[in-house]
Amino acid sequence: EKQEVVDLHILSEDELRRRCEALGGSLPEGPVGKFYLVAQLRNLMRREELLVEQIQQEAAAQAGSVETLPAPPQPPAAAQPPVAAPEAEELPEEFDDRDPSELSAGELRRRLRA
């Protein structure tokens, strides 16, 4: 993986831009740094590999010869779908929706402990 990054840094910025566009990536207009171009190209290459693996798995499943294929690598944490929040509990009948700034310190403590 480190060698891949080094190999990409050897390429010119024009070549990095061309390869990003060939993989369907979009680049901002204007000057961008070589580090940005290398990172963008690596992300696009990983996405392409994942799509190829997924297509192969779907083709194998449709052909009826479902093989045990290794699970694809997990995408970065930022790309993972959000976890569903637990459903809100019903509020007790005695719920007091007064502004907390109007309550005494004892009342605030009681509410926090409840």
N, C-alpha and C. Protein backbone atom coordinates (compact mmCIF):
# COMPACT_ATOMS: atom_id res chain seq x y z
N GLU A 1 0.83 -1.19 0.00
CA GLU A 1 0.00 0.00 0.00
C GLU A 1 0.87 1.25 0.00
N LYS A 2 1.93 1.22 0.80
CA LYS A 2 2.82 2.39 0.82
C LYS A 2 3.51 2.56 -0.52
N GLN A 3 3.86 1.43 -1.15
CA GLN A 3 4.51 1.51 -2.45
C GLN A 3 3.56 2.09 -3.49
N GLU A 4 2.27 1.77 -3.36
CA GLU A 4 1.27 2.31 -4.29
C GLU A 4 1.23 3.83 -4.18
N VAL A 5 1.28 4.35 -2.96
CA VAL A 5 1.26 5.80 -2.76
C VAL A 5 2.50 6.43 -3.37
N VAL A 6 3.65 5.80 -3.16
CA VAL A 6 4.89 6.33 -3.72
C VAL A 6 4.81 6.34 -5.24
N ASP A 7 4.31 5.23 -5.82
CA ASP A 7 4.18 5.15 -7.27
C ASP A 7 3.26 6.25 -7.82
N LEU A 8 2.19 6.55 -7.09
CA LEU A 8 1.27 7.59 -7.55
C LEU A 8 1.89 8.98 -7.43
N HIS A 9 2.72 9.19 -6.41
CA HIS A 9 3.35 10.51 -6.24
C HIS A 9 4.38 10.78 -7.34
N ILE A 10 4.86 9.73 -7.98
CA ILE A 10 5.83 9.91 -9.07
C ILE A 10 5.15 10.50 -10.30
N LEU A 11 3.86 10.22 -10.47
CA LEU A 11 3.12 10.70 -11.63
C LEU A 11 2.97 12.22 -11.59
N SER A 12 2.81 12.81 -12.77
CA SER A 12 2.59 14.26 -12.83
C SER A 12 1.16 14.57 -12.40
N GLU A 13 0.91 15.83 -12.07
CA GLU A 13 -0.43 16.23 -11.65
C GLU A 13 -1.42 16.07 -12.80
N ASP A 14 -0.97 16.33 -14.03
CA ASP A 14 -1.86 16.16 -15.19
C ASP A 14 -2.27 14.70 -15.35
N GLU A 15 -1.32 13.78 -15.15
CA GLU A 15 -1.63 12.36 -15.26
C GLU A 15 -2.57 11.92 -14.13
N LEU A 16 -2.35 12.43 -12.93
CA LEU A 16 -3.24 12.10 -11.82
C LEU A 16 -4.66 12.59 -12.11
N ARG A 17 -4.78 13.81 -12.63
CA ARG A 17 -6.10 14.35 -12.99
C ARG A 17 -6.77 13.47 -14.06
N ARG A 18 -6.00 13.08 -15.08
CA ARG A 18 -6.54 12.26 -16.17
C ARG A 18 -7.05 10.93 -15.63
N ARG A 19 -6.28 10.31 -14.75
CA ARG A 19 -6.70 9.01 -14.20
C ARG A 19 -7.94 9.15 -13.30
N CYS A 20 -8.01 10.22 -12.54
CA CYS A 20 -9.19 10.45 -11.69
C CYS A 20 -10.43 10.62 -12.57
N GLU A 21 -10.31 11.40 -13.62
CA GLU A 21 -11.45 11.62 -14.51
C GLU A 21 -11.83 10.33 -15.24
N ALA A 22 -10.84 9.49 -15.58
CA ALA A 22 -11.12 8.23 -16.26
C ALA A 22 -11.90 7.28 -15.35
N LEU A 23 -11.69 7.38 -14.04
CA LEU A 23 -12.42 6.53 -13.09
C LEU A 23 -13.75 7.15 -12.67
N GLY A 24 -14.11 8.27 -13.27
CA GLY A 24 -15.40 8.89 -12.98
C GLY A 24 -15.39 9.84 -11.81
N GLY A 25 -14.23 10.24 -11.37
CA GLY A 25 -14.15 11.17 -10.24
C GLY A 25 -14.32 12.60 -10.69
N SER A 26 -14.75 13.42 -9.77
CA SER A 26 -14.89 14.85 -10.07
C SER A 26 -13.85 15.59 -9.26
N LEU A 27 -13.20 16.53 -9.89
CA LEU A 27 -12.17 17.31 -9.24
C LEU A 27 -12.59 18.77 -9.23
N PRO A 28 -12.23 19.50 -8.19
CA PRO A 28 -12.56 20.92 -8.16
C PRO A 28 -11.75 21.66 -9.23
N GLU A 29 -12.33 22.72 -9.72
CA GLU A 29 -11.61 23.53 -10.70
C GLU A 29 -10.53 24.32 -9.99
N GLY A 30 -9.52 24.65 -10.72
CA GLY A 30 -8.44 25.42 -10.14
C GLY A 30 -7.34 24.51 -9.62
N PRO A 31 -6.33 25.11 -9.06
CA PRO A 31 -5.19 24.31 -8.60
C PRO A 31 -5.52 23.53 -7.33
N VAL A 32 -5.15 22.27 -7.35
CA VAL A 32 -5.24 21.44 -6.15
C VAL A 32 -3.88 20.77 -5.99
N GLY A 33 -3.55 20.41 -4.79
CA GLY A 33 -2.25 19.84 -4.51
C GLY A 33 -2.13 18.40 -4.97
N LYS A 34 -0.90 17.97 -5.09
CA LYS A 34 -0.63 16.60 -5.52
C LYS A 34 -1.13 15.61 -4.47
N PHE A 35 -1.03 15.94 -3.21
CA PHE A 35 -1.50 15.04 -2.15
C PHE A 35 -3.01 14.81 -2.29
N TYR A 36 -3.75 15.86 -2.62
CA TYR A 36 -5.19 15.73 -2.82
C TYR A 36 -5.47 14.80 -3.99
N LEU A 37 -4.76 15.01 -5.10
CA LEU A 37 -4.97 14.19 -6.28
C LEU A 37 -4.66 12.72 -6.03
N VAL A 38 -3.58 12.45 -5.29
CA VAL A 38 -3.22 11.07 -4.98
C VAL A 38 -4.29 10.44 -4.09
N ALA A 39 -4.75 11.16 -3.08
CA ALA A 39 -5.78 10.62 -2.18
C ALA A 39 -7.07 10.37 -2.94
N GLN A 40 -7.45 11.30 -3.81
CA GLN A 40 -8.68 11.14 -4.59
C GLN A 40 -8.57 9.93 -5.51
N LEU A 41 -7.43 9.75 -6.15
CA LEU A 41 -7.23 8.62 -7.06
C LEU A 41 -7.26 7.30 -6.30
N ARG A 42 -6.64 7.26 -5.14
CA ARG A 42 -6.66 6.02 -4.34
C ARG A 42 -8.08 5.67 -3.93
N ASN A 43 -8.86 6.66 -3.52
CA ASN A 43 -10.26 6.40 -3.14
C ASN A 43 -11.06 5.89 -4.33
N LEU A 44 -10.85 6.47 -5.49
CA LEU A 44 -11.57 6.03 -6.69
C LEU A 44 -11.16 4.61 -7.08
N MET A 45 -9.88 4.29 -6.93
CA MET A 45 -9.41 2.94 -7.26
C MET A 45 -10.00 1.91 -6.30
N ARG A 46 -10.08 2.26 -5.02
CA ARG A 46 -10.70 1.34 -4.04
C ARG A 46 -12.17 1.14 -4.35
N ARG A 47 -12.86 2.22 -4.71
CA ARG A 47 -14.28 2.13 -5.04
C ARG A 47 -14.48 1.21 -6.25
N GLU A 48 -13.60 1.35 -7.23
CA GLU A 48 -13.68 0.52 -8.43
C GLU A 48 -13.48 -0.96 -8.08
N GLU A 49 -12.51 -1.25 -7.21
CA GLU A 49 -12.26 -2.63 -6.79
C GLU A 49 -13.48 -3.21 -6.07
N LEU A 50 -14.09 -2.42 -5.20
CA LEU A 50 -15.27 -2.89 -4.48
C LEU A 50 -16.43 -3.17 -5.42
N LEU A 51 -16.60 -2.32 -6.43
CA LEU A 51 -17.68 -2.53 -7.40
C LEU A 51 -17.44 -3.81 -8.21
N VAL A 52 -16.20 -4.06 -8.59
CA VAL A 52 -15.89 -5.27 -9.34
C VAL A 52 -16.17 -6.50 -8.49
N GLU A 53 -15.76 -6.48 -7.23
CA GLU A 53 -16.02 -7.61 -6.32
C GLU A 53 -17.52 -7.83 -6.16
N GLN A 54 -18.28 -6.76 -6.00
CA GLN A 54 -19.72 -6.88 -5.82
C GLN A 54 -20.37 -7.47 -7.07
N ILE A 55 -19.94 -7.04 -8.24
CA ILE A 55 -20.50 -7.57 -9.49
C ILE A 55 -20.17 -9.06 -9.62
N GLN A 56 -18.96 -9.44 -9.25
CA GLN A 56 -18.58 -10.86 -9.31
C GLN A 56 -19.43 -11.68 -8.35
N GLN A 57 -19.67 -11.18 -7.16
CA GLN A 57 -20.49 -11.90 -6.18
C GLN A 57 -21.92 -12.04 -6.68
N GLU A 58 -22.48 -10.98 -7.25
CA GLU A 58 -23.84 -11.04 -7.76
C GLU A 58 -23.95 -12.02 -8.94
N ALA A 59 -22.94 -12.02 -9.80
CA ALA A 59 -22.94 -12.94 -10.94
C ALA A 59 -22.86 -14.38 -10.46
N ALA A 60 -22.05 -14.64 -9.44
CA ALA A 60 -21.92 -15.99 -8.90
C ALA A 60 -23.22 -16.42 -8.24
N ALA A 61 -23.89 -15.50 -7.56
CA ALA A 61 -25.15 -15.83 -6.90
C ALA A 61 -26.24 -16.13 -7.93
N GLN A 62 -26.27 -15.38 -9.02
CA GLN A 62 -27.27 -15.60 -10.06
C GLN A 62 -27.01 -16.89 -10.83
N ALA A 63 -25.76 -17.28 -10.94
CA ALA A 63 -25.42 -18.50 -11.66
C ALA A 63 -25.73 -19.73 -10.83
N GLY A 64 -26.06 -19.56 -9.58
CA GLY A 64 -26.40 -20.68 -8.71
C GLY A 64 -25.19 -21.32 -8.07
N SER A 65 -24.03 -20.82 -8.35
CA SER A 65 -22.84 -21.38 -7.73
C SER A 65 -22.31 -20.38 -6.71
N VAL A 66 -23.05 -20.24 -5.66
CA VAL A 66 -22.68 -19.28 -4.62
C VAL A 66 -21.49 -19.83 -3.86
N GLU A 67 -20.39 -19.14 -4.01
CA GLU A 67 -19.18 -19.52 -3.30
C GLU A 67 -19.01 -18.61 -2.10
N THR A 68 -18.28 -19.09 -1.13
CA THR A 68 -18.02 -18.26 0.03
C THR A 68 -16.87 -17.33 -0.31
N LEU A 69 -17.22 -16.09 -0.59
CA LEU A 69 -16.23 -15.09 -0.93
C LEU A 69 -15.91 -14.27 0.31
N PRO A 70 -14.67 -13.79 0.41
CA PRO A 70 -14.34 -12.97 1.57
C PRO A 70 -15.18 -11.70 1.58
N ALA A 71 -15.51 -11.25 2.76
CA ALA A 71 -16.31 -10.04 2.89
C ALA A 71 -15.51 -8.85 2.39
N PRO A 72 -16.15 -7.93 1.68
CA PRO A 72 -15.42 -6.76 1.21
C PRO A 72 -14.99 -5.91 2.40
N PRO A 73 -13.90 -5.19 2.27
CA PRO A 73 -13.44 -4.35 3.37
C PRO A 73 -14.49 -3.30 3.71
N GLN A 74 -14.57 -2.96 4.98
CA GLN A 74 -15.52 -1.96 5.44
C GLN A 74 -15.10 -0.59 4.95
N PRO A 75 -16.04 0.23 4.46
CA PRO A 75 -15.70 1.59 4.07
C PRO A 75 -15.30 2.40 5.29
N PRO A 76 -14.68 3.54 5.07
CA PRO A 76 -14.29 4.38 6.21
C PRO A 76 -15.49 4.71 7.09
N ALA A 77 -15.21 5.01 8.35
CA ALA A 77 -16.27 5.24 9.33
C ALA A 77 -17.23 6.34 8.88
N ALA A 78 -16.74 7.32 8.18
CA ALA A 78 -17.61 8.41 7.76
C ALA A 78 -18.65 7.96 6.74
N ALA A 79 -18.36 6.90 6.02
CA ALA A 79 -19.28 6.43 5.00
C ALA A 79 -20.27 5.40 5.50
N GLN A 80 -20.12 4.94 6.73
CA GLN A 80 -21.03 3.95 7.25
C GLN A 80 -22.38 4.58 7.53
N PRO A 81 -23.46 3.81 7.30
CA PRO A 81 -24.79 4.38 7.55
C PRO A 81 -24.97 4.64 9.04
N PRO A 82 -25.73 5.66 9.39
CA PRO A 82 -25.93 5.98 10.80
C PRO A 82 -26.74 4.88 11.50
N VAL A 83 -26.45 4.70 12.76
CA VAL A 83 -27.16 3.71 13.56
C VAL A 83 -28.50 4.31 13.97
N ALA A 84 -29.54 3.50 13.85
CA ALA A 84 -30.88 3.98 14.20
C ALA A 84 -30.94 4.28 15.69
N ALA A 85 -31.51 5.40 16.02
CA ALA A 85 -31.64 5.79 17.42
C ALA A 85 -32.76 4.98 18.06
N PRO A 86 -32.60 4.62 19.34
CA PRO A 86 -33.68 3.89 19.99
C PRO A 86 -34.94 4.75 20.05
N GLU A 87 -36.06 4.08 20.03
CA GLU A 87 -37.31 4.83 20.07
C GLU A 87 -37.43 5.57 21.40
N ALA A 88 -38.00 6.76 21.32
CA ALA A 88 -38.15 7.58 22.52
C ALA A 88 -39.17 6.96 23.46
N GLU A 89 -38.81 6.97 24.74
CA GLU A 89 -39.74 6.44 25.74
C GLU A 89 -40.87 7.43 25.94
N GLU A 90 -42.00 6.92 26.33
CA GLU A 90 -43.12 7.81 26.60
C GLU A 90 -42.82 8.63 27.85
N LEU A 91 -43.22 9.87 27.83
CA LEU A 91 -42.99 10.74 28.96
C LEU A 91 -44.01 10.44 30.05
N PRO A 92 -43.57 10.51 31.29
CA PRO A 92 -44.53 10.28 32.37
C PRO A 92 -45.63 11.34 32.34
N GLU A 93 -46.75 10.99 32.91
CA GLU A 93 -47.89 11.92 32.90
C GLU A 93 -47.56 13.21 33.64
N GLU A 94 -46.67 13.14 34.59
CA GLU A 94 -46.34 14.32 35.38
C GLU A 94 -45.22 15.13 34.75
N PHE A 95 -44.97 14.95 33.49
CA PHE A 95 -43.89 15.67 32.83
C PHE A 95 -44.14 17.17 32.90
N ASP A 96 -43.08 17.86 33.33
CA ASP A 96 -43.15 19.31 33.47
C ASP A 96 -42.20 19.91 32.44
N ASP A 97 -42.75 20.63 31.50
CA ASP A 97 -41.90 21.16 30.43
C ASP A 97 -41.47 22.60 30.68
N ARG A 98 -41.35 22.95 31.92
CA ARG A 98 -40.89 24.30 32.25
C ARG A 98 -39.43 24.46 31.84
N ASP A 99 -39.04 25.69 31.57
CA ASP A 99 -37.67 26.01 31.21
C ASP A 99 -36.75 25.68 32.39
N PRO A 100 -35.67 24.90 32.16
CA PRO A 100 -34.77 24.53 33.26
C PRO A 100 -34.14 25.73 33.96
N SER A 101 -34.02 26.86 33.30
CA SER A 101 -33.41 28.02 33.95
C SER A 101 -34.32 28.59 35.03
N GLU A 102 -35.60 28.22 35.02
CA GLU A 102 -36.54 28.71 36.02
C GLU A 102 -36.61 27.81 37.26
N LEU A 103 -35.96 26.64 37.22
CA LEU A 103 -36.06 25.67 38.31
C LEU A 103 -34.98 25.91 39.35
N SER A 104 -35.26 25.45 40.57
CA SER A 104 -34.28 25.55 41.64
C SER A 104 -33.24 24.44 41.46
N ALA A 105 -32.13 24.56 42.20
CA ALA A 105 -31.07 23.56 42.12
C ALA A 105 -31.59 22.20 42.58
N GLY A 106 -32.41 22.17 43.63
CA GLY A 106 -32.96 20.90 44.12
C GLY A 106 -33.85 20.24 43.09
N GLU A 107 -34.68 21.04 42.40
CA GLU A 107 -35.56 20.49 41.38
C GLU A 107 -34.76 19.94 40.19
N LEU A 108 -33.71 20.65 39.82
CA LEU A 108 -32.86 20.17 38.73
C LEU A 108 -32.21 18.84 39.09
N ARG A 109 -31.69 18.73 40.33
CA ARG A 109 -31.09 17.48 40.79
C ARG A 109 -32.10 16.35 40.76
N ARG A 110 -33.31 16.61 41.20
CA ARG A 110 -34.36 15.58 41.22
C ARG A 110 -34.67 15.10 39.81
N ARG A 111 -34.73 16.03 38.88
CA ARG A 111 -35.02 15.64 37.49
C ARG A 111 -33.89 14.84 36.88
N LEU A 112 -32.65 15.23 37.18
CA LEU A 112 -31.52 14.51 36.61
C LEU A 112 -31.43 13.09 37.16
N ARG A 113 -31.81 12.89 38.38
CA ARG A 113 -31.73 11.56 39.00
C ARG A 113 -32.91 10.68 38.61
N ALA A 114 -33.97 11.28 38.14
CA ALA A 114 -35.18 10.48 37.79
C ALA A 114 -35.01 9.75 36.50
